[in-house]
């Protein structure tokens, strides 16, 4: 799959943590195959994912965000809306859209928590890349069986 292209869309809120997902994704899929797009926050991910998927340039689109309870809005509502939007983008376009949009139950902006979530996002980025490759392989097998 050396010619296969992937889009990786990431929210800029908590970029020091969210960017680690791209690090993990790039451990599995060559950075030369990945186009990276930044959006302001998690809420913008589904629209950009849909647009990237519709472009026809990417085999899959991965999206990363860190939605935390800031005490001002319902972070769980935002996270649920984002994940539903990402699923809808994939279903509308037929292009796999993978989510690394995470919302922790307990997060405090301390160096200890930041280190934990940075490492977690690296692992989730790896898992998203493996899922992208896995769904592409499964869909290719399905097409081969149908032929």
C-alpha atoms as a PDB file:
ATOM      1  CA  UNK A   1       0.000   0.000   0.000  1.00  0.00           C
ATOM      2  CA  UNK A   2       2.869   2.374  -0.603  1.00  0.00           C
ATOM      3  CA  UNK A   3       0.775   4.529  -2.969  1.00  0.00           C
ATOM      4  CA  UNK A   4      -2.217   4.726  -0.622  1.00  0.00           C
ATOM      5  CA  UNK A   5      -2.863   8.169   0.889  1.00  0.00           C
ATOM      6  CA  UNK A   6      -4.368   8.889   4.294  1.00  0.00           C
ATOM      7  CA  UNK A   7      -5.727  12.110   5.778  1.00  0.00           C
ATOM      8  CA  UNK A   8      -5.082  12.883   9.429  1.00  0.00           C
ATOM      9  CA  UNK A   9      -7.227  15.695  10.834  1.00  0.00           C
ATOM     10  CA  UNK A  10      -6.384  17.009  14.283  1.00  0.00           C
ATOM     11  CA  UNK A  11      -7.931  19.582  16.584  1.00  0.00           C
ATOM     12  CA  UNK A  12      -5.693  22.342  17.917  1.00  0.00           C
ATOM     13  CA  UNK A  13      -7.168  22.426  21.450  1.00  0.00           C
ATOM     14  CA  UNK A  14      -4.654  20.611  23.678  1.00  0.00           C
ATOM     15  CA  UNK A  15      -2.345  20.258  20.658  1.00  0.00           C
ATOM     16  CA  UNK A  16       0.547  19.080  22.849  1.00  0.00           C
ATOM     17  CA  UNK A  17      -1.521  15.980  23.645  1.00  0.00           C
ATOM     18  CA  UNK A  18      -3.524  15.551  20.411  1.00  0.00           C
ATOM     19  CA  UNK A  19      -0.423  15.733  18.184  1.00  0.00           C
ATOM     20  CA  UNK A  20       0.884  12.574  19.842  1.00  0.00           C
ATOM     21  CA  UNK A  21      -1.846  10.610  18.012  1.00  0.00           C
ATOM     22  CA  UNK A  22      -0.185  11.580  14.741  1.00  0.00           C
ATOM     23  CA  UNK A  23       3.119  10.326  16.163  1.00  0.00           C
ATOM     24  CA  UNK A  24       1.569   6.912  16.791  1.00  0.00           C
ATOM     25  CA  UNK A  25      -0.236   6.873  13.429  1.00  0.00           C
ATOM     26  CA  UNK A  26       3.081   7.654  11.712  1.00  0.00           C
ATOM     27  CA  UNK A  27       4.766   4.702  13.426  1.00  0.00           C
ATOM     28  CA  UNK A  28       2.464   2.356  11.501  1.00  0.00           C
ATOM     29  CA  UNK A  29       1.846   4.280   8.259  1.00  0.00           C
ATOM     30  CA  UNK A  30       4.675   6.120   6.525  1.00  0.00           C
ATOM     31  CA  UNK A  31       4.531   9.905   7.020  1.00  0.00           C
ATOM     32  CA  UNK A  32       4.992  10.220   3.233  1.00  0.00           C
ATOM     33  CA  UNK A  33       1.511   8.699   2.858  1.00  0.00           C
ATOM     34  CA  UNK A  34      -0.187  11.058   5.342  1.00  0.00           C
ATOM     35  CA  UNK A  35      -1.608  14.512   4.693  1.00  0.00           C
ATOM     36  CA  UNK A  36      -2.096  16.406   7.946  1.00  0.00           C
ATOM     37  CA  UNK A  37      -4.869  18.974   8.375  1.00  0.00           C
ATOM     38  CA  UNK A  38      -5.398  21.110  11.473  1.00  0.00           C
ATOM     39  CA  UNK A  39      -8.821  22.378  12.563  1.00  0.00           C
ATOM     40  CA  UNK A  40      -9.637  24.707  15.475  1.00  0.00           C
ATOM     41  CA  UNK A  41     -11.359  22.177  17.713  1.00  0.00           C
ATOM     42  CA  UNK A  42     -13.150  18.848  17.959  1.00  0.00           C
ATOM     43  CA  UNK A  43     -16.452  20.195  16.706  1.00  0.00           C
ATOM     44  CA  UNK A  44     -14.881  20.959  13.313  1.00  0.00           C
ATOM     45  CA  UNK A  45     -13.617  17.408  12.765  1.00  0.00           C
ATOM     46  CA  UNK A  46     -16.719  15.844  11.150  1.00  0.00           C
ATOM     47  CA  UNK A  47     -17.091  18.513   8.469  1.00  0.00           C
ATOM     48  CA  UNK A  48     -13.414  18.384   7.529  1.00  0.00           C
ATOM     49  CA  UNK A  49     -13.416  14.569   7.626  1.00  0.00           C
ATOM     50  CA  UNK A  50     -16.385  14.483   5.267  1.00  0.00           C
ATOM     51  CA  UNK A  51     -14.736  16.974   2.903  1.00  0.00           C
ATOM     52  CA  UNK A  52     -11.470  15.032   2.907  1.00  0.00           C
ATOM     53  CA  UNK A  53     -13.301  11.752   2.314  1.00  0.00           C
ATOM     54  CA  UNK A  54     -15.360  13.249  -0.537  1.00  0.00           C
ATOM     55  CA  UNK A  55     -12.207  14.497  -2.247  1.00  0.00           C
ATOM     56  CA  UNK A  56     -11.443  10.966  -3.431  1.00  0.00           C
ATOM     57  CA  UNK A  57      -7.753  11.426  -2.589  1.00  0.00           C
ATOM     58  CA  UNK A  58      -7.642   9.322   0.585  1.00  0.00           C
ATOM     59  CA  UNK A  59      -8.207   5.664   1.385  1.00  0.00           C
ATOM     60  CA  UNK A  60      -9.122   6.605   4.969  1.00  0.00           C
ATOM     61  CA  UNK A  61      -9.397   9.650   7.206  1.00  0.00           C
ATOM     62  CA  UNK A  62      -8.276   9.613  10.846  1.00  0.00           C
ATOM     63  CA  UNK A  63      -9.360  12.359  13.242  1.00  0.00           C
ATOM     64  CA  UNK A  64      -7.948  13.260  16.642  1.00  0.00           C
ATOM     65  CA  UNK A  65      -9.201  15.513  19.427  1.00  0.00           C
ATOM     66  CA  UNK A  66      -9.121  15.742  23.201  1.00  0.00           C
ATOM     67  CA  UNK A  67     -12.437  16.918  24.647  1.00  0.00           C
ATOM     68  CA  UNK A  68     -12.165  17.771  28.329  1.00  0.00           C
ATOM     69  CA  UNK A  69     -14.578  18.980  30.953  1.00  0.00           C
ATOM     70  CA  UNK A  70     -13.795  22.665  31.170  1.00  0.00           C
ATOM     71  CA  UNK A  71     -16.695  23.318  33.516  1.00  0.00           C
ATOM     72  CA  UNK A  72     -18.417  25.576  30.985  1.00  0.00           C
ATOM     73  CA  UNK A  73     -20.185  23.212  28.600  1.00  0.00           C
ATOM     74  CA  UNK A  74     -21.205  19.576  28.442  1.00  0.00           C
ATOM     75  CA  UNK A  75     -18.048  17.959  27.151  1.00  0.00           C
ATOM     76  CA  UNK A  76     -19.763  14.582  26.894  1.00  0.00           C
ATOM     77  CA  UNK A  77     -22.340  16.080  24.511  1.00  0.00           C
ATOM     78  CA  UNK A  78     -19.583  17.569  22.355  1.00  0.00           C
ATOM     79  CA  UNK A  79     -17.645  14.286  22.278  1.00  0.00           C
ATOM     80  CA  UNK A  80     -20.770  12.289  21.391  1.00  0.00           C
ATOM     81  CA  UNK A  81     -21.694  14.741  18.628  1.00  0.00           C
ATOM     82  CA  UNK A  82     -18.193  14.587  17.177  1.00  0.00           C
ATOM     83  CA  UNK A  83     -18.040  10.795  17.138  1.00  0.00           C
ATOM     84  CA  UNK A  84     -21.521  10.558  15.591  1.00  0.00           C
ATOM     85  CA  UNK A  85     -20.504  13.130  12.983  1.00  0.00           C
ATOM     86  CA  UNK A  86     -17.374  11.173  12.114  1.00  0.00           C
ATOM     87  CA  UNK A  87     -19.405   7.984  11.726  1.00  0.00           C
ATOM     88  CA  UNK A  88     -21.876   9.823   9.506  1.00  0.00           C
ATOM     89  CA  UNK A  89     -19.042  11.188   7.341  1.00  0.00           C
ATOM     90  CA  UNK A  90     -17.781   7.666   6.748  1.00  0.00           C
ATOM     91  CA  UNK A  91     -21.226   6.291   5.994  1.00  0.00           C
ATOM     92  CA  UNK A  92     -22.066   9.150   3.599  1.00  0.00           C
ATOM     93  CA  UNK A  93     -18.842   8.876   1.631  1.00  0.00           C
ATOM     94  CA  UNK A  94     -17.975   5.198   1.866  1.00  0.00           C
ATOM     95  CA  UNK A  95     -14.477   6.157   3.027  1.00  0.00           C
ATOM     96  CA  UNK A  96     -13.400   4.849   6.441  1.00  0.00           C
ATOM     97  CA  UNK A  97     -13.316   7.661   9.012  1.00  0.00           C
ATOM     98  CA  UNK A  98     -11.526   6.695  12.211  1.00  0.00           C
ATOM     99  CA  UNK A  99     -11.824   8.456  15.533  1.00  0.00           C
ATOM    100  CA  UNK A 100      -9.160   9.260  18.073  1.00  0.00           C
ATOM    101  CA  UNK A 101     -11.559  11.748  19.673  1.00  0.00           C
ATOM    102  CA  UNK A 102     -11.231  11.018  23.360  1.00  0.00           C
ATOM    103  CA  UNK A 103     -12.906  12.514  26.398  1.00  0.00           C
ATOM    104  CA  UNK A 104     -11.521  11.490  29.767  1.00  0.00           C
ATOM    105  CA  UNK A 105     -13.644  11.228  32.897  1.00  0.00           C
ATOM    106  CA  UNK A 106     -10.827  12.609  34.997  1.00  0.00           C
ATOM    107  CA  UNK A 107      -8.424  15.180  33.604  1.00  0.00           C
ATOM    108  CA  UNK A 108      -6.517  17.890  35.368  1.00  0.00           C
ATOM    109  CA  UNK A 109      -4.047  20.082  33.573  1.00  0.00           C
ATOM    110  CA  UNK A 110      -1.033  18.810  35.487  1.00  0.00           C
ATOM    111  CA  UNK A 111       2.229  17.487  34.088  1.00  0.00           C
ATOM    112  CA  UNK A 112       1.356  14.029  35.434  1.00  0.00           C
ATOM    113  CA  UNK A 113      -2.001  13.872  33.599  1.00  0.00           C
ATOM    114  CA  UNK A 114      -0.544  15.444  30.467  1.00  0.00           C
ATOM    115  CA  UNK A 115       2.178  12.775  30.345  1.00  0.00           C
ATOM    116  CA  UNK A 116      -0.403  10.001  30.782  1.00  0.00           C
ATOM    117  CA  UNK A 117      -2.622  11.332  27.995  1.00  0.00           C
ATOM    118  CA  UNK A 118       0.292  12.046  25.638  1.00  0.00           C
ATOM    119  CA  UNK A 119       1.319   8.384  25.895  1.00  0.00           C
ATOM    120  CA  UNK A 120      -2.300   7.282  25.545  1.00  0.00           C
ATOM    121  CA  UNK A 121      -2.710   9.316  22.351  1.00  0.00           C
ATOM    122  CA  UNK A 122       0.411   7.724  20.837  1.00  0.00           C
ATOM    123  CA  UNK A 123      -1.132   4.295  21.429  1.00  0.00           C
ATOM    124  CA  UNK A 124      -4.535   5.388  20.088  1.00  0.00           C
ATOM    125  CA  UNK A 125      -2.835   6.800  16.992  1.00  0.00           C
ATOM    126  CA  UNK A 126      -1.179   3.429  16.379  1.00  0.00           C
ATOM    127  CA  UNK A 127      -4.523   1.705  16.834  1.00  0.00           C
ATOM    128  CA  UNK A 128      -6.216   4.076  14.361  1.00  0.00           C
ATOM    129  CA  UNK A 129      -3.529   3.329  11.750  1.00  0.00           C
ATOM    130  CA  UNK A 130      -3.903  -0.404  12.311  1.00  0.00           C
ATOM    131  CA  UNK A 131      -7.687  -0.065  12.019  1.00  0.00           C
ATOM    132  CA  UNK A 132      -7.323   1.918   8.772  1.00  0.00           C
ATOM    133  CA  UNK A 133      -5.094  -0.751   7.269  1.00  0.00           C
ATOM    134  CA  UNK A 134      -7.360  -3.504   8.596  1.00  0.00           C
ATOM    135  CA  UNK A 135     -10.564  -2.089   7.115  1.00  0.00           C
ATOM    136  CA  UNK A 136      -8.860  -1.484   3.762  1.00  0.00           C
ATOM    137  CA  UNK A 137      -7.655  -5.103   3.728  1.00  0.00           C
ATOM    138  CA  UNK A 138     -11.107  -6.419   4.683  1.00  0.00           C
ATOM    139  CA  UNK A 139     -12.819  -4.330   2.004  1.00  0.00           C
ATOM    140  CA  UNK A 140     -10.290  -5.478  -0.620  1.00  0.00           C
ATOM    141  CA  UNK A 141     -10.985  -9.107   0.325  1.00  0.00           C
ATOM    142  CA  UNK A 142     -14.717  -8.480   0.050  1.00  0.00           C
ATOM    143  CA  UNK A 143     -14.278  -7.020  -3.457  1.00  0.00           C
ATOM    144  CA  UNK A 144     -12.075  -9.964  -4.455  1.00  0.00           C
ATOM    145  CA  UNK A 145     -14.655 -12.448  -3.202  1.00  0.00           C
ATOM    146  CA  UNK A 146     -17.402 -10.662  -5.132  1.00  0.00           C
ATOM    147  CA  UNK A 147     -15.422 -10.752  -8.395  1.00  0.00           C
END
